[in-house]
Amino acid sequence: HTAPFAKSPTDDMASGRGLHLVGALSERWGYETNRWGKVTWAVIATPI
């Protein structure tokens, strides 16, 4: 049930950039909580 969040990575960090990448590649991203946990999602634009 812990909300995902984009960290502020520093140059010497080996990880912590994943949600920044998701944000850059998607129109938007977020999460929905449920009784059992959550779904973290991203929406990407597609050509019509």
All heavy atoms as atom14 arrays in JSON, in Angstrom:
{
  "sequence": "HTAPFAKSPTDDMASGRGLHLVGALSERWGYETNRWGKVTWAVIATPI",
  "atom14_mask": [
    [1, 1, 1, 1, 1, 1, 1, 1, 1, 1, 0, 0, 0, 0],
    [1, 1, 1, 1, 1, 1, 1, 0, 0, 0, 0, 0, 0, 0],
    [1, 1, 1, 1, 1, 0, 0, 0, 0, 0, 0, 0, 0, 0],
    [1, 1, 1, 1, 1, 1, 1, 0, 0, 0, 0, 0, 0, 0],
    [1, 1, 1, 1, 1, 1, 1, 1, 1, 1, 1, 0, 0, 0],
    [1, 1, 1, 1, 1, 0, 0, 0, 0, 0, 0, 0, 0, 0],
    [1, 1, 1, 1, 1, 1, 1, 1, 1, 0, 0, 0, 0, 0],
    [1, 1, 1, 1, 1, 1, 0, 0, 0, 0, 0, 0, 0, 0],
    [1, 1, 1, 1, 1, 1, 1, 0, 0, 0, 0, 0, 0, 0],
    [1, 1, 1, 1, 1, 1, 1, 0, 0, 0, 0, 0, 0, 0],
    [1, 1, 1, 1, 1, 1, 1, 1, 0, 0, 0, 0, 0, 0],
    [1, 1, 1, 1, 1, 1, 1, 1, 0, 0, 0, 0, 0, 0],
    [1, 1, 1, 1, 1, 1, 1, 1, 0, 0, 0, 0, 0, 0],
    [1, 1, 1, 1, 1, 0, 0, 0, 0, 0, 0, 0, 0, 0],
    [1, 1, 1, 1, 1, 1, 0, 0, 0, 0, 0, 0, 0, 0],
    [1, 1, 1, 1, 0, 0, 0, 0, 0, 0, 0, 0, 0, 0],
    [1, 1, 1, 1, 1, 1, 1, 1, 1, 1, 1, 0, 0, 0],
    [1, 1, 1, 1, 0, 0, 0, 0, 0, 0, 0, 0, 0, 0],
    [1, 1, 1, 1, 1, 1, 1, 1, 0, 0, 0, 0, 0, 0],
    [1, 1, 1, 1, 1, 1, 1, 1, 1, 1, 0, 0, 0, 0],
    [1, 1, 1, 1, 1, 1, 1, 1, 0, 0, 0, 0, 0, 0],
    [1, 1, 1, 1, 1, 1, 1, 0, 0, 0, 0, 0, 0, 0],
    [1, 1, 1, 1, 0, 0, 0, 0, 0, 0, 0, 0, 0, 0],
    [1, 1, 1, 1, 1, 0, 0, 0, 0, 0, 0, 0, 0, 0],
    [1, 1, 1, 1, 1, 1, 1, 1, 0, 0, 0, 0, 0, 0],
    [1, 1, 1, 1, 1, 1, 0, 0, 0, 0, 0, 0, 0, 0],
    [1, 1, 1, 1, 1, 1, 1, 1, 1, 0, 0, 0, 0, 0],
    [1, 1, 1, 1, 1, 1, 1, 1, 1, 1, 1, 0, 0, 0],
    [1, 1, 1, 1, 1, 1, 1, 1, 1, 1, 1, 1, 1, 1],
    [1, 1, 1, 1, 0, 0, 0, 0, 0, 0, 0, 0, 0, 0],
    [1, 1, 1, 1, 1, 1, 1, 1, 1, 1, 1, 1, 0, 0],
    [1, 1, 1, 1, 1, 1, 1, 1, 1, 0, 0, 0, 0, 0],
    [1, 1, 1, 1, 1, 1, 1, 0, 0, 0, 0, 0, 0, 0],
    [1, 1, 1, 1, 1, 1, 1, 1, 0, 0, 0, 0, 0, 0],
    [1, 1, 1, 1, 1, 1, 1, 1, 1, 1, 1, 0, 0, 0],
    [1, 1, 1, 1, 1, 1, 1, 1, 1, 1, 1, 1, 1, 1],
    [1, 1, 1, 1, 0, 0, 0, 0, 0, 0, 0, 0, 0, 0],
    [1, 1, 1, 1, 1, 1, 1, 1, 1, 0, 0, 0, 0, 0],
    [1, 1, 1, 1, 1, 1, 1, 0, 0, 0, 0, 0, 0, 0],
    [1, 1, 1, 1, 1, 1, 1, 0, 0, 0, 0, 0, 0, 0],
    [1, 1, 1, 1, 1, 1, 1, 1, 1, 1, 1, 1, 1, 1],
    [1, 1, 1, 1, 1, 0, 0, 0, 0, 0, 0, 0, 0, 0],
    [1, 1, 1, 1, 1, 1, 1, 0, 0, 0, 0, 0, 0, 0],
    [1, 1, 1, 1, 1, 1, 1, 1, 0, 0, 0, 0, 0, 0],
    [1, 1, 1, 1, 1, 0, 0, 0, 0, 0, 0, 0, 0, 0],
    [1, 1, 1, 1, 1, 1, 1, 0, 0, 0, 0, 0, 0, 0],
    [1, 1, 1, 1, 1, 1, 1, 0, 0, 0, 0, 0, 0, 0],
    [1, 1, 1, 1, 1, 1, 1, 1, 0, 0, 0, 0, 0, 0]
  ],
  "atom14_positions": [
    [[0.82, -1.21, 0.0], [0.0, 0.0, 0.0], [0.86, 1.26, 0.0], [0.34, 2.37, 0.05], [-0.94, 0.0, 1.21], [-2.05, -0.97, 1.07], [-1.99, -2.24, 1.61], [-3.24, -0.9, 0.43], [-3.1, -2.9, 1.31], [-3.87, -2.1, 0.59], [0.0, 0.0, 0.0], [0.0, 0.0, 0.0], [0.0, 0.0, 0.0], [0.0, 0.0, 0.0]],
    [[2.16, 1.1, -0.07], [3.08, 2.23, -0.08], [3.06, 2.9, -1.45], [3.21, 2.24, -2.48], [4.52, 1.77, 0.25], [4.49, 1.11, 1.52], [5.47, 2.93, 0.29], [0.0, 0.0, 0.0], [0.0, 0.0, 0.0], [0.0, 0.0, 0.0], [0.0, 0.0, 0.0], [0.0, 0.0, 0.0], [0.0, 0.0, 0.0], [0.0, 0.0, 0.0]],
    [[2.86, 4.21, -1.45], [2.79, 4.96, -2.7], [4.16, 5.03, -3.38], [5.16, 5.31, -2.71], [2.29, 6.38, -2.43], [0.0, 0.0, 0.0], [0.0, 0.0, 0.0], [0.0, 0.0, 0.0], [0.0, 0.0, 0.0], [0.0, 0.0, 0.0], [0.0, 0.0, 0.0], [0.0, 0.0, 0.0], [0.0, 0.0, 0.0], [0.0, 0.0, 0.0]],
    [[4.21, 4.78, -4.67], [5.48, 4.94, -5.38], [5.79, 6.43, -5.54], [4.88, 7.26, -5.63], [5.2, 4.29, -6.75], [3.72, 4.42, -6.93], [3.12, 4.36, -5.56], [0.0, 0.0, 0.0], [0.0, 0.0, 0.0], [0.0, 0.0, 0.0], [0.0, 0.0, 0.0], [0.0, 0.0, 0.0], [0.0, 0.0, 0.0], [0.0, 0.0, 0.0]],
    [[7.06, 6.76, -5.55], [7.44, 8.16, -5.76], [8.77, 8.21, -6.48], [9.6, 7.32, -6.34], [7.5, 8.94, -4.44], [8.55, 8.45, -3.49], [9.8, 9.04, -3.46], [8.29, 7.39, -2.63], [10.78, 8.58, -2.59], [9.26, 6.93, -1.75], [10.51, 7.52, -1.73], [0.0, 0.0, 0.0], [0.0, 0.0, 0.0], [0.0, 0.0, 0.0]],
    [[8.93, 9.26, -7.26], [10.17, 9.46, -8.0], [11.19, 10.11, -7.07], [10.95, 11.18, -6.52], [9.92, 10.33, -9.23], [0.0, 0.0, 0.0], [0.0, 0.0, 0.0], [0.0, 0.0, 0.0], [0.0, 0.0, 0.0], [0.0, 0.0, 0.0], [0.0, 0.0, 0.0], [0.0, 0.0, 0.0], [0.0, 0.0, 0.0], [0.0, 0.0, 0.0]],
    [[12.31, 9.43, -6.87], [13.38, 9.95, -6.03], [14.12, 11.05, -6.76], [13.99, 11.2, -7.98], [14.38, 8.83, -5.69], [13.81, 7.72, -4.86], [14.86, 6.65, -4.63], [14.27, 5.48, -3.88], [15.26, 4.41, -3.7], [0.0, 0.0, 0.0], [0.0, 0.0, 0.0], [0.0, 0.0, 0.0], [0.0, 0.0, 0.0], [0.0, 0.0, 0.0]],
    [[14.91, 11.79, -6.04], [15.8, 12.78, -6.65], [17.19, 12.16, -6.67], [17.97, 12.31, -5.72], [15.8, 14.07, -5.83], [14.53, 14.65, -5.83], [0.0, 0.0, 0.0], [0.0, 0.0, 0.0], [0.0, 0.0, 0.0], [0.0, 0.0, 0.0], [0.0, 0.0, 0.0], [0.0, 0.0, 0.0], [0.0, 0.0, 0.0], [0.0, 0.0, 0.0]],
    [[17.48, 11.44, -7.75], [18.76, 10.72, -7.78], [19.94, 11.66, -7.94], [19.84, 12.73, -8.55], [18.63, 9.8, -9.0], [17.66, 10.51, -9.88], [16.72, 11.26, -8.96], [0.0, 0.0, 0.0], [0.0, 0.0, 0.0], [0.0, 0.0, 0.0], [0.0, 0.0, 0.0], [0.0, 0.0, 0.0], [0.0, 0.0, 0.0], [0.0, 0.0, 0.0]],
    [[21.06, 11.23, -7.39], [22.3, 11.96, -7.58], [23.15, 11.17, -8.58], [22.86, 10.01, -8.87], [23.06, 12.12, -6.25], [23.35, 10.82, -5.73], [22.24, 12.91, -5.24], [0.0, 0.0, 0.0], [0.0, 0.0, 0.0], [0.0, 0.0, 0.0], [0.0, 0.0, 0.0], [0.0, 0.0, 0.0], [0.0, 0.0, 0.0], [0.0, 0.0, 0.0]],
    [[24.18, 11.8, -9.08], [25.03, 11.15, -10.09], [25.68, 9.87, -9.58], [25.94, 8.96, -10.36], [26.12, 12.11, -10.57], [25.56, 13.24, -11.41], [24.43, 13.1, -11.92], [26.25, 14.27, -11.53], [0.0, 0.0, 0.0], [0.0, 0.0, 0.0], [0.0, 0.0, 0.0], [0.0, 0.0, 0.0], [0.0, 0.0, 0.0], [0.0, 0.0, 0.0]],
    [[25.92, 9.77, -8.29], [26.6, 8.59, -7.76], [25.65, 7.48, -7.33], [26.09, 6.43, -6.88], [27.53, 8.97, -6.61], [26.79, 9.61, -5.44], [25.67, 10.11, -5.64], [27.35, 9.61, -4.33], [0.0, 0.0, 0.0], [0.0, 0.0, 0.0], [0.0, 0.0, 0.0], [0.0, 0.0, 0.0], [0.0, 0.0, 0.0], [0.0, 0.0, 0.0]],
    [[24.34, 7.67, -7.5], [23.37, 6.62, -7.14], [23.29, 5.58, -8.25], [23.24, 5.93, -9.43], [21.98, 7.23, -6.91], [21.88, 8.03, -5.63], [20.26, 8.81, -5.42], [19.18, 7.4, -5.38], [0.0, 0.0, 0.0], [0.0, 0.0, 0.0], [0.0, 0.0, 0.0], [0.0, 0.0, 0.0], [0.0, 0.0, 0.0], [0.0, 0.0, 0.0]],
    [[23.3, 4.31, -7.85], [23.22, 3.21, -8.83], [21.79, 2.97, -9.28], [21.56, 2.37, -10.32], [23.79, 1.94, -8.23], [0.0, 0.0, 0.0], [0.0, 0.0, 0.0], [0.0, 0.0, 0.0], [0.0, 0.0, 0.0], [0.0, 0.0, 0.0], [0.0, 0.0, 0.0], [0.0, 0.0, 0.0], [0.0, 0.0, 0.0], [0.0, 0.0, 0.0]],
    [[20.8, 3.43, -8.52], [19.39, 3.23, -8.88], [18.6, 4.48, -8.48], [19.18, 5.46, -8.03], [18.84, 1.99, -8.17], [18.86, 2.2, -6.77], [0.0, 0.0, 0.0], [0.0, 0.0, 0.0], [0.0, 0.0, 0.0], [0.0, 0.0, 0.0], [0.0, 0.0, 0.0], [0.0, 0.0, 0.0], [0.0, 0.0, 0.0], [0.0, 0.0, 0.0]],
    [[17.3, 4.43, -8.66], [16.46, 5.55, -8.27], [15.96, 6.41, -9.41], [15.32, 7.43, -9.2], [0.0, 0.0, 0.0], [0.0, 0.0, 0.0], [0.0, 0.0, 0.0], [0.0, 0.0, 0.0], [0.0, 0.0, 0.0], [0.0, 0.0, 0.0], [0.0, 0.0, 0.0], [0.0, 0.0, 0.0], [0.0, 0.0, 0.0], [0.0, 0.0, 0.0]],
    [[16.24, 6.0, -10.64], [15.84, 6.79, -11.8], [14.63, 6.21, -12.55], [14.16, 6.78, -13.51], [17.01, 6.92, -12.76], [18.14, 7.74, -12.21], [19.37, 7.68, -13.11], [20.47, 8.45, -12.56], [21.26, 8.05, -11.58], [21.09, 6.86, -11.04], [22.22, 8.81, -11.13], [0.0, 0.0, 0.0], [0.0, 0.0, 0.0], [0.0, 0.0, 0.0]],
    [[14.14, 5.04, -12.1], [13.12, 4.32, -12.83], [11.85, 5.1, -13.09], [11.36, 5.15, -14.21], [0.0, 0.0, 0.0], [0.0, 0.0, 0.0], [0.0, 0.0, 0.0], [0.0, 0.0, 0.0], [0.0, 0.0, 0.0], [0.0, 0.0, 0.0], [0.0, 0.0, 0.0], [0.0, 0.0, 0.0], [0.0, 0.0, 0.0], [0.0, 0.0, 0.0]],
    [[11.28, 5.73, -12.05], [10.03, 6.47, -12.26], [10.25, 7.75, -13.04], [9.33, 8.23, -13.72], [9.33, 6.72, -10.93], [8.75, 5.46, -10.29], [8.13, 5.75, -8.94], [7.72, 4.79, -11.21], [0.0, 0.0, 0.0], [0.0, 0.0, 0.0], [0.0, 0.0, 0.0], [0.0, 0.0, 0.0], [0.0, 0.0, 0.0], [0.0, 0.0, 0.0]],
    [[11.46, 8.31, -13.01], [11.76, 9.45, -13.88], [11.72, 9.0, -15.34], [11.2, 9.71, -16.21], [13.14, 10.05, -13.54], [13.16, 10.77, -12.24], [12.6, 12.01, -12.07], [13.66, 10.4, -11.05], [12.76, 12.4, -10.81], [13.4, 11.42, -10.17], [0.0, 0.0, 0.0], [0.0, 0.0, 0.0], [0.0, 0.0, 0.0], [0.0, 0.0, 0.0]],
    [[12.27, 7.82, -15.6], [12.24, 7.25, -16.95], [10.79, 6.98, -17.38], [10.39, 7.32, -18.49], [13.07, 5.98, -17.01], [13.14, 5.26, -18.36], [13.72, 6.17, -19.42], [13.94, 3.98, -18.24], [0.0, 0.0, 0.0], [0.0, 0.0, 0.0], [0.0, 0.0, 0.0], [0.0, 0.0, 0.0], [0.0, 0.0, 0.0], [0.0, 0.0, 0.0]],
    [[9.99, 6.38, -16.49], [8.57, 6.13, -16.78], [7.88, 7.45, -17.11], [7.13, 7.53, -18.09], [7.89, 5.4, -15.6], [6.37, 5.36, -15.8], [8.43, 3.99, -15.45], [0.0, 0.0, 0.0], [0.0, 0.0, 0.0], [0.0, 0.0, 0.0], [0.0, 0.0, 0.0], [0.0, 0.0, 0.0], [0.0, 0.0, 0.0], [0.0, 0.0, 0.0]],
    [[8.13, 8.48, -16.32], [7.53, 9.79, -16.58], [7.94, 10.38, -17.91], [7.14, 11.0, -18.61], [0.0, 0.0, 0.0], [0.0, 0.0, 0.0], [0.0, 0.0, 0.0], [0.0, 0.0, 0.0], [0.0, 0.0, 0.0], [0.0, 0.0, 0.0], [0.0, 0.0, 0.0], [0.0, 0.0, 0.0], [0.0, 0.0, 0.0], [0.0, 0.0, 0.0]],
    [[9.19, 10.19, -18.29], [9.69, 10.72, -19.57], [9.11, 9.98, -20.77], [8.9, 10.58, -21.83], [11.21, 10.66, -19.6], [0.0, 0.0, 0.0], [0.0, 0.0, 0.0], [0.0, 0.0, 0.0], [0.0, 0.0, 0.0], [0.0, 0.0, 0.0], [0.0, 0.0, 0.0], [0.0, 0.0, 0.0], [0.0, 0.0, 0.0], [0.0, 0.0, 0.0]],
    [[8.83, 8.69, -20.61], [8.36, 7.88, -21.74], [6.83, 7.84, -21.86], [6.31, 7.37, -22.87], [8.87, 6.44, -21.6], [10.38, 6.27, -21.71], [10.77, 4.84, -21.37], [10.87, 6.65, -23.11], [0.0, 0.0, 0.0], [0.0, 0.0, 0.0], [0.0, 0.0, 0.0], [0.0, 0.0, 0.0], [0.0, 0.0, 0.0], [0.0, 0.0, 0.0]],
    [[6.13, 8.31, -20.84], [4.67, 8.21, -20.84], [4.02, 9.59, -20.84], [4.67, 10.6, -20.55], [4.19, 7.43, -19.61], [4.5, 8.12, -18.42], [0.0, 0.0, 0.0], [0.0, 0.0, 0.0], [0.0, 0.0, 0.0], [0.0, 0.0, 0.0], [0.0, 0.0, 0.0], [0.0, 0.0, 0.0], [0.0, 0.0, 0.0], [0.0, 0.0, 0.0]],
    [[2.73, 9.59, -21.2], [1.96, 10.84, -21.09], [1.73, 11.18, -19.63], [1.72, 12.34, -19.25], [0.6, 10.69, -21.78], [0.64, 10.71, -23.26], [-0.75, 10.77, -23.85], [-1.7, 10.19, -23.29], [-0.89, 11.46, -24.87], [0.0, 0.0, 0.0], [0.0, 0.0, 0.0], [0.0, 0.0, 0.0], [0.0, 0.0, 0.0], [0.0, 0.0, 0.0]],
    [[1.48, 10.14, -18.84], [1.27, 10.3, -17.4], [1.43, 8.94, -16.75], [1.34, 7.91, -17.41], [-0.1, 10.89, -17.1], [-1.27, 10.03, -17.54], [-2.61, 10.78, -17.43], [-3.69, 9.96, -17.87], [-4.04, 9.73, -19.14], [-3.35, 10.3, -20.11], [-5.05, 8.97, -19.46], [0.0, 0.0, 0.0], [0.0, 0.0, 0.0], [0.0, 0.0, 0.0]],
    [[1.68, 8.96, -15.45], [1.75, 7.72, -14.69], [1.16, 7.98, -13.31], [1.02, 9.12, -12.9], [3.17, 7.17, -14.61], [4.1, 7.94, -13.71], [4.87, 9.01, -14.06], [4.33, 7.71, -12.32], [5.57, 9.46, -12.98], [5.26, 8.68, -11.88], [3.86, 6.79, -11.39], [5.71, 8.75, -10.58], [4.3, 6.85, -10.08], [5.21, 7.82, -9.69]],
    [[0.82, 6.91, -12.63], [0.26, 7.05, -11.3], [0.02, 5.68, -10.69], [0.58, 4.68, -11.14], [0.0, 0.0, 0.0], [0.0, 0.0, 0.0], [0.0, 0.0, 0.0], [0.0, 0.0, 0.0], [0.0, 0.0, 0.0], [0.0, 0.0, 0.0], [0.0, 0.0, 0.0], [0.0, 0.0, 0.0], [0.0, 0.0, 0.0], [0.0, 0.0, 0.0]],
    [[-0.82, 5.66, -9.67], [-1.14, 4.4, -9.02], [-2.55, 4.46, -8.46], [-3.1, 5.54, -8.24], [-0.12, 4.08, -7.92], [-0.2, 5.01, -6.73], [-0.91, 4.63, -5.59], [0.4, 6.26, -6.75], [-1.01, 5.48, -4.5], [0.31, 7.11, -5.68], [-0.39, 6.72, -4.55], [-0.5, 7.56, -3.48], [0.0, 0.0, 0.0], [0.0, 0.0, 0.0]],
    [[-3.13, 3.29, -8.3], [-4.45, 3.14, -7.7], [-4.32, 2.17, -6.56], [-3.72, 1.09, -6.71], [-5.43, 2.55, -8.73], [-5.61, 3.39, -9.95], [-6.19, 2.6, -11.12], [-6.39, 1.37, -11.01], [-6.41, 3.23, -12.16], [0.0, 0.0, 0.0], [0.0, 0.0, 0.0], [0.0, 0.0, 0.0], [0.0, 0.0, 0.0], [0.0, 0.0, 0.0]],
    [[-4.86, 2.52, -5.39], [-4.82, 1.6, -4.27], [-6.1, 0.79, -4.24], [-7.16, 1.23, -4.68], [-4.65, 2.34, -2.93], [-5.7, 3.29, -2.79], [-3.31, 3.03, -2.86], [0.0, 0.0, 0.0], [0.0, 0.0, 0.0], [0.0, 0.0, 0.0], [0.0, 0.0, 0.0], [0.0, 0.0, 0.0], [0.0, 0.0, 0.0], [0.0, 0.0, 0.0]],
    [[-5.97, -0.41, -3.75], [-7.08, -1.34, -3.6], [-6.97, -1.97, -2.21], [-5.98, -1.78, -1.52], [-6.99, -2.47, -4.66], [-7.08, -1.92, -6.06], [-8.13, -1.46, -6.47], [-5.97, -1.95, -6.77], [0.0, 0.0, 0.0], [0.0, 0.0, 0.0], [0.0, 0.0, 0.0], [0.0, 0.0, 0.0], [0.0, 0.0, 0.0], [0.0, 0.0, 0.0]],
    [[-7.96, -2.73, -1.85], [-7.96, -3.45, -0.58], [-6.71, -4.33, -0.45], [-6.11, -4.44, 0.61], [-9.24, -4.29, -0.5], [-9.71, -4.67, 0.82], [-11.07, -5.36, 0.79], [-11.55, -5.88, -0.47], [-11.25, -7.08, -0.97], [-10.46, -7.88, -0.32], [-11.74, -7.48, -2.12], [0.0, 0.0, 0.0], [0.0, 0.0, 0.0], [0.0, 0.0, 0.0]],
    [[-6.32, -4.96, -1.54], [-5.24, -5.94, -1.54], [-3.86, -5.35, -1.84], [-2.85, -6.04, -1.76], [-5.54, -7.04, -2.55], [-5.97, -6.5, -3.88], [-7.25, -6.37, -4.33], [-5.14, -6.01, -4.94], [-7.27, -5.82, -5.59], [-5.97, -5.59, -5.99], [-3.76, -5.87, -5.09], [-5.49, -5.03, -7.17], [-3.27, -5.33, -6.27], [-4.14, -4.92, -7.28]],
    [[-3.78, -4.1, -2.26], [-2.49, -3.51, -2.62], [-2.68, -2.35, -3.58], [-3.56, -1.52, -3.39], [0.0, 0.0, 0.0], [0.0, 0.0, 0.0], [0.0, 0.0, 0.0], [0.0, 0.0, 0.0], [0.0, 0.0, 0.0], [0.0, 0.0, 0.0], [0.0, 0.0, 0.0], [0.0, 0.0, 0.0], [0.0, 0.0, 0.0], [0.0, 0.0, 0.0]],
    [[-1.89, -2.33, -4.64], [-1.99, -1.22, -5.6], [-1.61, -1.68, -7.0], [-1.02, -2.74, -7.19], [-1.11, -0.05, -5.18], [0.38, -0.3, -5.33], [1.17, 0.94, -4.98], [2.65, 0.69, -4.98], [3.13, -0.3, -4.03], [0.0, 0.0, 0.0], [0.0, 0.0, 0.0], [0.0, 0.0, 0.0], [0.0, 0.0, 0.0], [0.0, 0.0, 0.0]],
    [[-1.97, -0.84, -7.97], [-1.54, -0.99, -9.35], [-0.82, 0.3, -9.72], [-1.39, 1.39, -9.59], [-2.73, -1.21, -10.32], [-2.24, -1.26, -11.76], [-3.5, -2.47, -9.95], [0.0, 0.0, 0.0], [0.0, 0.0, 0.0], [0.0, 0.0, 0.0], [0.0, 0.0, 0.0], [0.0, 0.0, 0.0], [0.0, 0.0, 0.0], [0.0, 0.0, 0.0]],
    [[0.42, 0.17, -10.13], [1.16, 1.32, -10.64], [1.07, 1.24, -12.16], [1.27, 0.18, -12.74], [2.62, 1.29, -10.17], [2.64, 1.15, -8.75], [3.35, 2.57, -10.57], [0.0, 0.0, 0.0], [0.0, 0.0, 0.0], [0.0, 0.0, 0.0], [0.0, 0.0, 0.0], [0.0, 0.0, 0.0], [0.0, 0.0, 0.0], [0.0, 0.0, 0.0]],
    [[0.73, 2.36, -12.8], [0.42, 2.33, -14.23], [1.07, 3.52, -14.95], [1.46, 4.51, -14.32], [-1.09, 2.35, -14.47], [-1.78, 3.49, -13.75], [-2.4, 3.42, -12.53], [-1.9, 4.84, -14.18], [-2.89, 4.65, -12.18], [-2.61, 5.54, -13.18], [-1.48, 5.54, -15.31], [-2.9, 6.9, -13.28], [-1.77, 6.89, -15.4], [-2.47, 7.55, -14.41]],
    [[1.16, 3.37, -16.26], [1.61, 4.45, -17.13], [0.8, 4.39, -18.41], [0.45, 3.31, -18.88], [3.1, 4.32, -17.43], [0.0, 0.0, 0.0], [0.0, 0.0, 0.0], [0.0, 0.0, 0.0], [0.0, 0.0, 0.0], [0.0, 0.0, 0.0], [0.0, 0.0, 0.0], [0.0, 0.0, 0.0], [0.0, 0.0, 0.0], [0.0, 0.0, 0.0]],
    [[0.49, 5.55, -18.95], [-0.23, 5.65, -20.22], [0.72, 6.19, -21.26], [1.36, 7.24, -21.05], [-1.47, 6.57, -20.08], [-2.14, 6.79, -21.43], [-2.45, 6.0, -19.07], [0.0, 0.0, 0.0], [0.0, 0.0, 0.0], [0.0, 0.0, 0.0], [0.0, 0.0, 0.0], [0.0, 0.0, 0.0], [0.0, 0.0, 0.0], [0.0, 0.0, 0.0]],
    [[0.82, 5.47, -22.39], [1.67, 5.95, -23.48], [0.8, 6.32, -24.67], [-0.22, 5.67, -24.95], [2.76, 4.93, -23.87], [2.18, 3.56, -24.17], [3.78, 4.81, -22.78], [3.22, 2.54, -24.61], [0.0, 0.0, 0.0], [0.0, 0.0, 0.0], [0.0, 0.0, 0.0], [0.0, 0.0, 0.0], [0.0, 0.0, 0.0], [0.0, 0.0, 0.0]],
    [[1.2, 7.37, -25.34], [0.5, 7.83, -26.54], [0.82, 6.9, -27.69], [1.94, 6.4, -27.81], [0.9, 9.25, -26.88], [0.0, 0.0, 0.0], [0.0, 0.0, 0.0], [0.0, 0.0, 0.0], [0.0, 0.0, 0.0], [0.0, 0.0, 0.0], [0.0, 0.0, 0.0], [0.0, 0.0, 0.0], [0.0, 0.0, 0.0], [0.0, 0.0, 0.0]],
    [[-0.18, 6.66, -28.52], [0.01, 5.82, -29.71], [-0.46, 6.57, -30.94], [-1.39, 7.38, -30.85], [-0.76, 4.5, -29.58], [-2.15, 4.79, -29.46], [-0.31, 3.71, -28.36], [0.0, 0.0, 0.0], [0.0, 0.0, 0.0], [0.0, 0.0, 0.0], [0.0, 0.0, 0.0], [0.0, 0.0, 0.0], [0.0, 0.0, 0.0], [0.0, 0.0, 0.0]],
    [[0.14, 6.3, -32.08], [-0.34, 6.96, -33.31], [-1.71, 6.44, -33.67], [-2.02, 5.26, -33.5], [0.7, 6.57, -34.35], [1.37, 5.36, -33.81], [1.26, 5.43, -32.32], [0.0, 0.0, 0.0], [0.0, 0.0, 0.0], [0.0, 0.0, 0.0], [0.0, 0.0, 0.0], [0.0, 0.0, 0.0], [0.0, 0.0, 0.0], [0.0, 0.0, 0.0]],
    [[-2.56, 7.33, -34.15], [-3.89, 6.93, -34.62], [-3.75, 6.52, -36.09], [-3.23, 7.29, -36.91], [-4.9, 8.08, -34.48], [-5.05, 8.44, -33.0], [-6.24, 7.7, -35.08], [-5.92, 9.65, -32.74], [0.0, 0.0, 0.0], [0.0, 0.0, 0.0], [0.0, 0.0, 0.0], [0.0, 0.0, 0.0], [0.0, 0.0, 0.0], [0.0, 0.0, 0.0]]
  ]
}
